[in-house]
Each structure stands twice: as C-alpha cells, then as structure tokens.
Amino acid sequence: MNEPLRLLILGAHPDDPEFHAGGLETIYRQRGHIVKLVSVTNGEAGHHEYWGPSLVERRRVEATAAAGVIGAISEVWDYPDGRLEPTLDARMRVIREIREFKPDLVLTHRPDDYHPDHRAVGHLVRDASYLITVPGIVPDVPILHRSPIIGYLPDHFTRPYPLAPDVIVDVTAHVSTIVEMLACHESQFYEWLPFNQGTLEQVPAPEGNRKHWLRQWYSQWFHVTTDRYREELIHQFGQQRGETMQFVEIFEISEYGSPLDETSRDRLFGFATSS
C-alpha cells in the first residue's frame, strides 16, 4: 500500500483553507491522505461586534470543528489578525512547520491579493520555499532535501495577472461537505462576512435553513470561477461536461517549489483527470 500523501494548507485566517480548497481537502481525506489546515493569524479582528481574545477562542473552536468534519488536523497560530507581516520570526515558523510536517503539497495564498494578511502568508511561503533546504536556517529541525510542490489557492483577482489554471478539480460531489465545514465557522459566514457585505438581513435565523442559504451564497463563488475558465474546462473535460460543470477548484502551481511534472501530477491529482 502506498504511503498517504500529506497536504498542508497555510491560510491567513481560520476559515481560509475550507473556503478556498474545501473540495480538495475532502477528496484527500476520503482517499486516506493526511490534511493539516493552518491559520497563520489568530482571527482576532474578524467580527463587527467584538474582537480580541474572546473572538480568538471562538474561532479556534470553529476551526477545530470544521476540520473535524473531514478528520483533518487544525492549528491556529498567534500572529495578530489584520496585522500580519512577513517578518523573519514568521518566516522561521513557516520553515519549521513545512520541515516538521513534510508535506507533499503545500497550498497558500498568492502574494498579490486584496487582504494584506493573505499577501503576507503568500510571501512567507515563497520566502521559505528554498530555505527549508538550508541546514543553517532553523538548524534544530532537519532540512528537507527537496521543496514540496507549492500551489496557490483559488482567487478571482486579475492584477498583475489572473490565476493560472494549472490544476482543475471537479468538486461537485463534495459541495455539501464543504458547506458543512463552512457552517462550522458561524462567526464568519453567518455574521461577519454578511455584515461586511451589507447582506446581514438576508441570513436566516439560527432555527432557519441556514445551510441552504450558505450553499446558495457560496455557489456564487464557484459561478465566477467556472464562467472565467469555461474554455479551459471544455478543453480538459470535453464539450458536454465542460459546458455544464459548476463547482470546480482551480490551483496555480508556484515556480518556487518543485515542478509539477507528469509523475507528480498523477500522484497528487490523478483523480482530477478528464477520464
């Protein structure tokens, strides 16, 4: 039996891994692979009514519950939400995490993003990608002799360039599980984000059908993705399937990690072929 793969997602906030890659996480866990979800910040600023230590504790609980839906590992670090910087201290922490977890695949934000915390995490991972092989850096943790493959989480930004569709994963069969994970982050998807977007009055009451509403809200994210990459979906999956696909996660492979050759593509994403 092959050794299980190890997927490490380094997000800026406790809900980022599930929001951006919940389908891939689910597929990996269903196949017996090991998935670790890390929030580099503590999430202390992500609410409109309260913040600080009480919110940090709530978001840690939410993150643990969300990861528990699929049996993933959850970890929330202590860097302050909204004030993350790509410091040397944070870089050493990322180097240590990658070396200790020994991932086959690392996913993180692109270094260009609307949120400064997202950008900081993207820079931290990029800056760590070579140094994880250097013995004199964080010398108390054994080096990795080869960088893992590093991918960027999906986003909709176009500057300086749109996300490149290096890997496309059909997650249609896993949308319900993704919504289950997102629903665990009540402070975000039923409170803070609707407030921030001016739609708080649309959220059903706790005794209402909140998950149905959340699924409809989250579907809009997928619709933007599928509409933007429709031609690529048709090219990869064929006319009939490509025209009707609605729920896909698209990842760009970073040039700073190991290259995604055909062997590694088959090992990490063999389930995502057009067959």
C-alpha atoms as a PDB file:
ATOM      1  CA  MET A   1       0.000   0.000   0.000  1.00  0.00           C
ATOM      2  CA  ASN A   2       1.296   3.451  -0.911  1.00  0.00           C
ATOM      3  CA  GLU A   3       2.154   5.899   1.834  1.00  0.00           C
ATOM      4  CA  PRO A   4      -0.584   8.512   2.343  1.00  0.00           C
ATOM      5  CA  LEU A   5       0.028  11.917   0.837  1.00  0.00           C
ATOM      6  CA  ARG A   6       0.452  14.903   3.134  1.00  0.00           C
ATOM      7  CA  LEU A   7      -1.381  18.132   2.286  1.00  0.00           C
ATOM      8  CA  LEU A   8      -0.548  21.321   4.194  1.00  0.00           C
ATOM      9  CA  ILE A   9      -2.683  24.411   3.702  1.00  0.00           C
ATOM     10  CA  LEU A  10      -1.280  27.637   5.116  1.00  0.00           C
ATOM     11  CA  GLY A  11      -4.075  30.190   5.164  1.00  0.00           C
ATOM     12  CA  ALA A  12      -4.164  33.625   6.705  1.00  0.00           C
ATOM     13  CA  HIS A  13      -7.370  33.124   8.714  1.00  0.00           C
ATOM     14  CA  PRO A  14      -9.145  30.161  10.324  1.00  0.00           C
ATOM     15  CA  ASP A  15     -11.754  29.787   7.537  1.00  0.00           C
ATOM     16  CA  ASP A  16      -9.446  30.322   4.548  1.00  0.00           C
ATOM     17  CA  PRO A  17      -8.471  26.673   3.906  1.00  0.00           C
ATOM     18  CA  GLU A  18     -12.086  25.443   3.816  1.00  0.00           C
ATOM     19  CA  PHE A  19     -13.327  28.377   1.754  1.00  0.00           C
ATOM     20  CA  HIS A  20     -10.649  28.102  -0.924  1.00  0.00           C
ATOM     21  CA  ALA A  21      -9.859  24.373  -1.020  1.00  0.00           C
ATOM     22  CA  GLY A  22     -12.577  22.529   0.874  1.00  0.00           C
ATOM     23  CA  GLY A  23     -13.216  20.194  -2.035  1.00  0.00           C
ATOM     24  CA  LEU A  24      -9.597  19.141  -2.435  1.00  0.00           C
ATOM     25  CA  GLU A  25      -9.294  18.655   1.327  1.00  0.00           C
ATOM     26  CA  THR A  26     -12.336  16.403   1.287  1.00  0.00           C
ATOM     27  CA  ILE A  27     -11.060  14.314  -1.604  1.00  0.00           C
ATOM     28  CA  TYR A  28      -7.688  13.843   0.082  1.00  0.00           C
ATOM     29  CA  ARG A  29      -9.268  12.732   3.335  1.00  0.00           C
ATOM     30  CA  GLN A  30     -11.649  10.355   1.573  1.00  0.00           C
ATOM     31  CA  ARG A  31      -8.610   8.743  -0.033  1.00  0.00           C
ATOM     32  CA  GLY A  32      -6.909   8.297   3.326  1.00  0.00           C
ATOM     33  CA  HIS A  33      -4.400  11.124   2.987  1.00  0.00           C
ATOM     34  CA  ILE A  34      -3.263  13.423   5.800  1.00  0.00           C
ATOM     35  CA  VAL A  35      -4.500  17.009   5.719  1.00  0.00           C
ATOM     36  CA  LYS A  36      -3.380  19.831   8.009  1.00  0.00           C
ATOM     37  CA  LEU A  37      -5.104  23.218   7.995  1.00  0.00           C
ATOM     38  CA  VAL A  38      -3.094  26.095   9.476  1.00  0.00           C
ATOM     39  CA  SER A  39      -4.309  29.623  10.120  1.00  0.00           C
ATOM     40  CA  VAL A  40      -1.248  31.824  10.432  1.00  0.00           C
ATOM     41  CA  THR A  41      -3.204  34.574  12.223  1.00  0.00           C
ATOM     42  CA  ASN A  42      -5.444  34.159  15.246  1.00  0.00           C
ATOM     43  CA  GLY A  43      -8.537  35.645  13.599  1.00  0.00           C
ATOM     44  CA  GLU A  44      -8.995  38.215  16.370  1.00  0.00           C
ATOM     45  CA  ALA A  45     -10.290  41.032  14.125  1.00  0.00           C
ATOM     46  CA  GLY A  46     -12.888  39.164  12.065  1.00  0.00           C
ATOM     47  CA  HIS A  47     -16.135  40.413  13.578  1.00  0.00           C
ATOM     48  CA  HIS A  48     -18.217  43.581  13.750  1.00  0.00           C
ATOM     49  CA  GLU A  49     -19.467  43.311  17.341  1.00  0.00           C
ATOM     50  CA  TYR A  50     -16.467  42.070  19.304  1.00  0.00           C
ATOM     51  CA  TRP A  51     -12.811  41.188  18.819  1.00  0.00           C
ATOM     52  CA  GLY A  52      -9.705  40.191  20.719  1.00  0.00           C
ATOM     53  CA  PRO A  53      -9.218  37.132  22.968  1.00  0.00           C
ATOM     54  CA  SER A  54     -12.877  36.081  23.102  1.00  0.00           C
ATOM     55  CA  LEU A  55     -13.092  36.020  19.313  1.00  0.00           C
ATOM     56  CA  VAL A  56      -9.772  34.170  19.070  1.00  0.00           C
ATOM     57  CA  GLU A  57     -11.138  31.412  21.278  1.00  0.00           C
ATOM     58  CA  ARG A  58     -14.363  31.190  19.317  1.00  0.00           C
ATOM     59  CA  ARG A  59     -12.539  30.972  16.022  1.00  0.00           C
ATOM     60  CA  ARG A  60     -10.196  28.261  17.315  1.00  0.00           C
ATOM     61  CA  VAL A  61     -13.231  26.212  18.313  1.00  0.00           C
ATOM     62  CA  GLU A  62     -14.844  26.813  14.929  1.00  0.00           C
ATOM     63  CA  ALA A  63     -11.663  25.838  13.074  1.00  0.00           C
ATOM     64  CA  THR A  64     -11.356  22.616  15.063  1.00  0.00           C
ATOM     65  CA  ALA A  65     -14.981  21.735  14.351  1.00  0.00           C
ATOM     66  CA  ALA A  66     -14.632  22.464  10.634  1.00  0.00           C
ATOM     67  CA  ALA A  67     -11.520  20.315  10.308  1.00  0.00           C
ATOM     68  CA  GLY A  68     -13.281  17.590  12.264  1.00  0.00           C
ATOM     69  CA  VAL A  69     -15.938  17.279   9.557  1.00  0.00           C
ATOM     70  CA  ILE A  70     -13.366  15.544   7.357  1.00  0.00           C
ATOM     71  CA  GLY A  71     -10.913  14.388  10.031  1.00  0.00           C
ATOM     72  CA  ALA A  72      -8.221  16.952   9.232  1.00  0.00           C
ATOM     73  CA  ILE A  73      -5.700  18.491  11.630  1.00  0.00           C
ATOM     74  CA  SER A  74      -6.352  22.093  12.627  1.00  0.00           C
ATOM     75  CA  GLU A  75      -3.907  24.632  14.019  1.00  0.00           C
ATOM     76  CA  VAL A  76      -4.371  28.352  14.645  1.00  0.00           C
ATOM     77  CA  TRP A  77      -1.230  30.378  15.270  1.00  0.00           C
ATOM     78  CA  ASP A  78      -0.930  33.535  17.352  1.00  0.00           C
ATOM     79  CA  TYR A  79       0.031  36.234  14.838  1.00  0.00           C
ATOM     80  CA  PRO A  80      -2.481  39.115  15.039  1.00  0.00           C
ATOM     81  CA  ASP A  81      -5.305  39.211  12.519  1.00  0.00           C
ATOM     82  CA  GLY A  82      -5.110  42.235  10.226  1.00  0.00           C
ATOM     83  CA  ARG A  83      -1.544  42.999  11.280  1.00  0.00           C
ATOM     84  CA  LEU A  84       0.430  40.091   9.863  1.00  0.00           C
ATOM     85  CA  GLU A  85       3.783  40.992   8.355  1.00  0.00           C
ATOM     86  CA  PRO A  86       6.286  38.733   6.536  1.00  0.00           C
ATOM     87  CA  THR A  87       8.807  39.037   9.366  1.00  0.00           C
ATOM     88  CA  LEU A  88      11.842  36.855   9.986  1.00  0.00           C
ATOM     89  CA  ASP A  89      10.099  35.345  13.003  1.00  0.00           C
ATOM     90  CA  ALA A  90       7.090  34.338  10.927  1.00  0.00           C
ATOM     91  CA  ARG A  91       9.324  33.020   8.149  1.00  0.00           C
ATOM     92  CA  MET A  92      11.163  30.785  10.602  1.00  0.00           C
ATOM     93  CA  ARG A  93       7.822  29.497  11.892  1.00  0.00           C
ATOM     94  CA  VAL A  94       6.733  28.600   8.357  1.00  0.00           C
ATOM     95  CA  ILE A  95      10.069  26.894   7.640  1.00  0.00           C
ATOM     96  CA  ARG A  96       9.730  24.885  10.832  1.00  0.00           C
ATOM     97  CA  GLU A  97       6.147  23.898  10.002  1.00  0.00           C
ATOM     98  CA  ILE A  98       6.973  22.696   6.499  1.00  0.00           C
ATOM     99  CA  ARG A  99      10.008  20.729   7.678  1.00  0.00           C
ATOM    100  CA  GLU A 100       8.178  19.093  10.566  1.00  0.00           C
ATOM    101  CA  PHE A 101       5.026  18.210   8.623  1.00  0.00           C
ATOM    102  CA  LYS A 102       6.944  17.096   5.494  1.00  0.00           C
ATOM    103  CA  PRO A 103       4.132  17.851   3.034  1.00  0.00           C
ATOM    104  CA  ASP A 104       3.908  16.535  -0.483  1.00  0.00           C
ATOM    105  CA  LEU A 105       1.776  19.538  -1.407  1.00  0.00           C
ATOM    106  CA  VAL A 106       1.563  22.997   0.170  1.00  0.00           C
ATOM    107  CA  LEU A 107      -1.264  25.377  -0.688  1.00  0.00           C
ATOM    108  CA  THR A 108      -1.321  29.055   0.224  1.00  0.00           C
ATOM    109  CA  HIS A 109      -2.495  32.459  -0.995  1.00  0.00           C
ATOM    110  CA  ARG A 110      -0.972  34.210  -3.956  1.00  0.00           C
ATOM    111  CA  PRO A 111       1.397  37.035  -2.960  1.00  0.00           C
ATOM    112  CA  ASP A 112      -0.986  39.525  -4.664  1.00  0.00           C
ATOM    113  CA  ASP A 113      -4.393  39.642  -3.014  1.00  0.00           C
ATOM    114  CA  TYR A 114      -6.894  42.100  -1.599  1.00  0.00           C
ATOM    115  CA  HIS A 115      -6.069  41.241   2.011  1.00  0.00           C
ATOM    116  CA  PRO A 116      -2.669  42.177   3.485  1.00  0.00           C
ATOM    117  CA  ASP A 117      -2.687  39.049   5.663  1.00  0.00           C
ATOM    118  CA  HIS A 118      -3.173  36.882   2.560  1.00  0.00           C
ATOM    119  CA  ARG A 119      -0.330  38.645   0.808  1.00  0.00           C
ATOM    120  CA  ALA A 120       1.915  38.236   3.841  1.00  0.00           C
ATOM    121  CA  VAL A 121       1.307  34.480   4.031  1.00  0.00           C
ATOM    122  CA  GLY A 122       1.973  34.119   0.309  1.00  0.00           C
ATOM    123  CA  HIS A 123       5.285  35.926   0.714  1.00  0.00           C
ATOM    124  CA  LEU A 124       6.183  33.879   3.789  1.00  0.00           C
ATOM    125  CA  VAL A 125       5.694  30.586   1.965  1.00  0.00           C
ATOM    126  CA  ARG A 126       7.544  31.815  -1.095  1.00  0.00           C
ATOM    127  CA  ASP A 127      10.444  33.050   1.032  1.00  0.00           C
ATOM    128  CA  ALA A 128      10.570  29.739   2.906  1.00  0.00           C
ATOM    129  CA  SER A 129      10.425  27.534  -0.188  1.00  0.00           C
ATOM    130  CA  TYR A 130      14.194  27.423  -0.736  1.00  0.00           C
ATOM    131  CA  LEU A 131      15.344  27.962   2.828  1.00  0.00           C
ATOM    132  CA  ILE A 132      13.725  24.721   4.001  1.00  0.00           C
ATOM    133  CA  THR A 133      16.707  23.028   2.279  1.00  0.00           C
ATOM    134  CA  VAL A 134      19.370  25.150   4.038  1.00  0.00           C
ATOM    135  CA  PRO A 135      20.825  23.496   7.185  1.00  0.00           C
ATOM    136  CA  GLY A 136      21.977  26.751   8.783  1.00  0.00           C
ATOM    137  CA  ILE A 137      18.422  28.115   8.895  1.00  0.00           C
ATOM    138  CA  VAL A 138      16.338  26.777  11.821  1.00  0.00           C
ATOM    139  CA  PRO A 139      19.179  24.295  12.485  1.00  0.00           C
ATOM    140  CA  ASP A 140      17.317  22.377  15.205  1.00  0.00           C
ATOM    141  CA  VAL A 141      14.877  20.908  12.643  1.00  0.00           C
ATOM    142  CA  PRO A 142      16.216  18.566   9.933  1.00  0.00           C
ATOM    143  CA  ILE A 143      16.086  20.029   6.451  1.00  0.00           C
ATOM    144  CA  LEU A 144      14.011  18.789   3.554  1.00  0.00           C
ATOM    145  CA  HIS A 145      16.294  17.843   0.678  1.00  0.00           C
ATOM    146  CA  ARG A 146      13.686  18.931  -1.848  1.00  0.00           C
ATOM    147  CA  SER A 147      10.986  21.537  -1.712  1.00  0.00           C
ATOM    148  CA  PRO A 148       7.416  20.228  -1.846  1.00  0.00           C
ATOM    149  CA  ILE A 149       5.144  21.228  -4.682  1.00  0.00           C
ATOM    150  CA  ILE A 150       3.579  24.562  -3.798  1.00  0.00           C
ATOM    151  CA  GLY A 151       0.237  25.678  -5.161  1.00  0.00           C
ATOM    152  CA  TYR A 152      -1.790  28.842  -4.859  1.00  0.00           C
ATOM    153  CA  LEU A 153      -5.336  28.790  -3.554  1.00  0.00           C
ATOM    154  CA  PRO A 154      -8.102  29.924  -5.920  1.00  0.00           C
ATOM    155  CA  ASP A 155      -8.932  33.619  -6.145  1.00  0.00           C
ATOM    156  CA  HIS A 156     -10.668  35.917  -8.595  1.00  0.00           C
ATOM    157  CA  PHE A 157      -8.071  38.671  -8.890  1.00  0.00           C
ATOM    158  CA  THR A 158      -6.734  39.799 -12.253  1.00  0.00           C
ATOM    159  CA  ARG A 159      -3.759  42.016 -11.363  1.00  0.00           C
ATOM    160  CA  PRO A 160      -0.936  41.568 -12.025  1.00  0.00           C
ATOM    161  CA  TYR A 161      -2.429  38.524 -13.774  1.00  0.00           C
ATOM    162  CA  PRO A 162      -5.335  36.104 -13.328  1.00  0.00           C
ATOM    163  CA  LEU A 163      -4.812  32.790 -11.562  1.00  0.00           C
ATOM    164  CA  ALA A 164      -3.323  30.251 -13.979  1.00  0.00           C
ATOM    165  CA  PRO A 165      -5.447  27.052 -14.207  1.00  0.00           C
ATOM    166  CA  ASP A 166      -2.587  24.588 -13.754  1.00  0.00           C
ATOM    167  CA  VAL A 167      -4.801  22.125 -11.877  1.00  0.00           C
ATOM    168  CA  ILE A 168      -8.591  21.875 -12.114  1.00  0.00           C
ATOM    169  CA  VAL A 169     -10.513  19.752  -9.625  1.00  0.00           C
ATOM    170  CA  ASP A 170     -14.196  18.955 -10.069  1.00  0.00           C
ATOM    171  CA  VAL A 171     -15.656  19.221  -6.543  1.00  0.00           C
ATOM    172  CA  THR A 172     -19.332  18.895  -7.452  1.00  0.00           C
ATOM    173  CA  ALA A 173     -19.731  15.713  -5.411  1.00  0.00           C
ATOM    174  CA  HIS A 174     -18.306  17.415  -2.321  1.00  0.00           C
ATOM    175  CA  VAL A 175     -20.166  20.725  -2.132  1.00  0.00           C
ATOM    176  CA  SER A 176     -22.358  19.532   0.739  1.00  0.00           C
ATOM    177  CA  THR A 177     -19.260  18.637   2.764  1.00  0.00           C
ATOM    178  CA  ILE A 178     -17.665  21.996   2.000  1.00  0.00           C
ATOM    179  CA  VAL A 179     -20.818  23.747   3.228  1.00  0.00           C
ATOM    180  CA  GLU A 180     -20.763  21.628   6.387  1.00  0.00           C
ATOM    181  CA  MET A 181     -17.220  22.839   7.064  1.00  0.00           C
ATOM    182  CA  LEU A 182     -18.040  26.461   6.310  1.00  0.00           C
ATOM    183  CA  ALA A 183     -21.114  26.301   8.534  1.00  0.00           C
ATOM    184  CA  CYS A 184     -18.847  25.496  11.474  1.00  0.00           C
ATOM    185  CA  HIS A 185     -17.383  28.984  11.056  1.00  0.00           C
ATOM    186  CA  GLU A 186     -20.583  30.625  12.276  1.00  0.00           C
ATOM    187  CA  SER A 187     -18.863  33.858  13.282  1.00  0.00           C
ATOM    188  CA  GLN A 188     -17.734  34.358   9.695  1.00  0.00           C
ATOM    189  CA  PHE A 189     -20.337  33.049   7.285  1.00  0.00           C
ATOM    190  CA  TYR A 190     -23.467  33.878   9.258  1.00  0.00           C
ATOM    191  CA  GLU A 191     -22.264  37.051  10.982  1.00  0.00           C
ATOM    192  CA  TRP A 192     -19.108  38.927   9.959  1.00  0.00           C
ATOM    193  CA  LEU A 193     -18.997  38.415   6.193  1.00  0.00           C
ATOM    194  CA  PRO A 194     -22.709  39.169   5.664  1.00  0.00           C
ATOM    195  CA  PHE A 195     -22.297  42.311   7.793  1.00  0.00           C
ATOM    196  CA  ASN A 196     -19.203  43.331   5.848  1.00  0.00           C
ATOM    197  CA  GLN A 197     -21.009  42.752   2.541  1.00  0.00           C
ATOM    198  CA  GLY A 198     -24.205  44.517   3.642  1.00  0.00           C
ATOM    199  CA  THR A 199     -26.356  41.378   3.465  1.00  0.00           C
ATOM    200  CA  LEU A 200     -26.752  40.513   7.148  1.00  0.00           C
ATOM    201  CA  GLU A 201     -30.539  40.855   6.966  1.00  0.00           C
ATOM    202  CA  GLN A 202     -30.623  38.036   4.401  1.00  0.00           C
ATOM    203  CA  VAL A 203     -29.135  35.449   6.773  1.00  0.00           C
ATOM    204  CA  PRO A 204     -31.802  33.097   8.150  1.00  0.00           C
ATOM    205  CA  ALA A 205     -32.307  32.923  11.885  1.00  0.00           C
ATOM    206  CA  PRO A 206     -30.441  30.130  13.725  1.00  0.00           C
ATOM    207  CA  GLU A 207     -33.546  27.951  13.661  1.00  0.00           C
ATOM    208  CA  GLY A 208     -33.963  28.531   9.915  1.00  0.00           C
ATOM    209  CA  ASN A 209     -32.420  26.743   6.936  1.00  0.00           C
ATOM    210  CA  ARG A 210     -29.054  28.434   7.219  1.00  0.00           C
ATOM    211  CA  LYS A 211     -27.060  25.785   5.383  1.00  0.00           C
ATOM    212  CA  HIS A 212     -29.288  26.058   2.341  1.00  0.00           C
ATOM    213  CA  TRP A 213     -28.717  29.817   2.337  1.00  0.00           C
ATOM    214  CA  LEU A 214     -24.965  29.303   2.782  1.00  0.00           C
ATOM    215  CA  ARG A 215     -24.821  26.880  -0.121  1.00  0.00           C
ATOM    216  CA  GLN A 216     -26.559  29.408  -2.371  1.00  0.00           C
ATOM    217  CA  TRP A 217     -24.205  32.152  -1.211  1.00  0.00           C
ATOM    218  CA  TYR A 218     -21.103  30.002  -1.722  1.00  0.00           C
ATOM    219  CA  SER A 219     -22.273  28.863  -5.149  1.00  0.00           C
ATOM    220  CA  GLN A 220     -21.733  32.390  -6.384  1.00  0.00           C
ATOM    221  CA  TRP A 221     -18.011  31.944  -5.758  1.00  0.00           C
ATOM    222  CA  PHE A 222     -17.959  28.868  -7.962  1.00  0.00           C
ATOM    223  CA  HIS A 223     -20.020  30.547 -10.676  1.00  0.00           C
ATOM    224  CA  VAL A 224     -17.402  33.278 -11.099  1.00  0.00           C
ATOM    225  CA  THR A 225     -14.681  30.635 -11.345  1.00  0.00           C
ATOM    226  CA  THR A 226     -16.451  28.386 -13.825  1.00  0.00           C
ATOM    227  CA  ASP A 227     -17.529  31.264 -16.030  1.00  0.00           C
ATOM    228  CA  ARG A 228     -13.989  32.633 -16.165  1.00  0.00           C
ATOM    229  CA  TYR A 229     -12.388  29.280 -17.005  1.00  0.00           C
ATOM    230  CA  ARG A 230     -15.162  27.741 -19.119  1.00  0.00           C
ATOM    231  CA  GLU A 231     -12.985  27.348 -22.208  1.00  0.00           C
ATOM    232  CA  GLU A 232     -10.314  25.566 -20.172  1.00  0.00           C
ATOM    233  CA  LEU A 233     -12.955  23.270 -18.649  1.00  0.00           C
ATOM    234  CA  ILE A 234     -14.207  22.338 -22.099  1.00  0.00           C
ATOM    235  CA  HIS A 235     -10.647  21.744 -23.307  1.00  0.00           C
ATOM    236  CA  GLN A 236      -9.789  19.481 -20.374  1.00  0.00           C
ATOM    237  CA  PHE A 237     -13.068  17.674 -19.723  1.00  0.00           C
ATOM    238  CA  GLY A 238     -14.731  17.722 -23.141  1.00  0.00           C
ATOM    239  CA  GLN A 239     -17.567  19.782 -24.576  1.00  0.00           C
ATOM    240  CA  GLN A 240     -20.504  18.166 -22.806  1.00  0.00           C
ATOM    241  CA  ARG A 241     -19.031  18.000 -19.317  1.00  0.00           C
ATOM    242  CA  GLY A 242     -17.059  21.234 -19.593  1.00  0.00           C
ATOM    243  CA  GLU A 243     -20.133  23.255 -20.529  1.00  0.00           C
ATOM    244  CA  THR A 244     -22.155  22.025 -17.544  1.00  0.00           C
ATOM    245  CA  MET A 245     -19.581  21.971 -14.736  1.00  0.00           C
ATOM    246  CA  GLN A 246     -20.413  24.440 -11.960  1.00  0.00           C
ATOM    247  CA  PHE A 247     -18.249  23.520  -8.971  1.00  0.00           C
ATOM    248  CA  VAL A 248     -14.505  23.471  -9.595  1.00  0.00           C
ATOM    249  CA  GLU A 249     -11.435  24.445  -7.612  1.00  0.00           C
ATOM    250  CA  ILE A 250      -8.557  25.798  -9.639  1.00  0.00           C
ATOM    251  CA  PHE A 251      -4.974  25.936  -8.419  1.00  0.00           C
ATOM    252  CA  GLU A 252      -1.880  27.606  -9.803  1.00  0.00           C
ATOM    253  CA  ILE A 253       1.472  25.920  -9.209  1.00  0.00           C
ATOM    254  CA  SER A 254       4.213  28.157  -7.859  1.00  0.00           C
ATOM    255  CA  GLU A 255       7.549  28.183  -9.642  1.00  0.00           C
ATOM    256  CA  TYR A 256       9.291  28.435  -6.271  1.00  0.00           C
ATOM    257  CA  GLY A 257       8.502  24.870  -5.214  1.00  0.00           C
ATOM    258  CA  SER A 258       9.253  21.630  -7.017  1.00  0.00           C
ATOM    259  CA  PRO A 259       7.866  21.421 -10.550  1.00  0.00           C
ATOM    260  CA  LEU A 260       4.576  19.643 -11.195  1.00  0.00           C
ATOM    261  CA  ASP A 261       5.784  17.081 -13.729  1.00  0.00           C
ATOM    262  CA  GLU A 262       3.602  14.289 -15.077  1.00  0.00           C
ATOM    263  CA  THR A 263       4.643  11.877 -12.332  1.00  0.00           C
ATOM    264  CA  SER A 264       3.852  14.285  -9.516  1.00  0.00           C
ATOM    265  CA  ARG A 265       0.635  15.414 -11.193  1.00  0.00           C
ATOM    266  CA  ASP A 266      -0.567  11.839 -11.344  1.00  0.00           C
ATOM    267  CA  ARG A 267       0.469  11.238  -7.731  1.00  0.00           C
ATOM    268  CA  LEU A 268      -1.138  14.387  -6.303  1.00  0.00           C
ATOM    269  CA  PHE A 269      -4.056  14.951  -8.663  1.00  0.00           C
ATOM    270  CA  GLY A 270      -4.601  11.687 -10.502  1.00  0.00           C
ATOM    271  CA  PHE A 271      -8.278  11.775  -9.531  1.00  0.00           C
ATOM    272  CA  ALA A 272      -8.715  15.070 -11.391  1.00  0.00           C
ATOM    273  CA  THR A 273      -8.139  13.766 -14.896  1.00  0.00           C
ATOM    274  CA  SER A 274     -10.723  14.110 -17.623  1.00  0.00           C
ATOM    275  CA  SER A 275     -11.393  10.372 -17.730  1.00  0.00           C
END
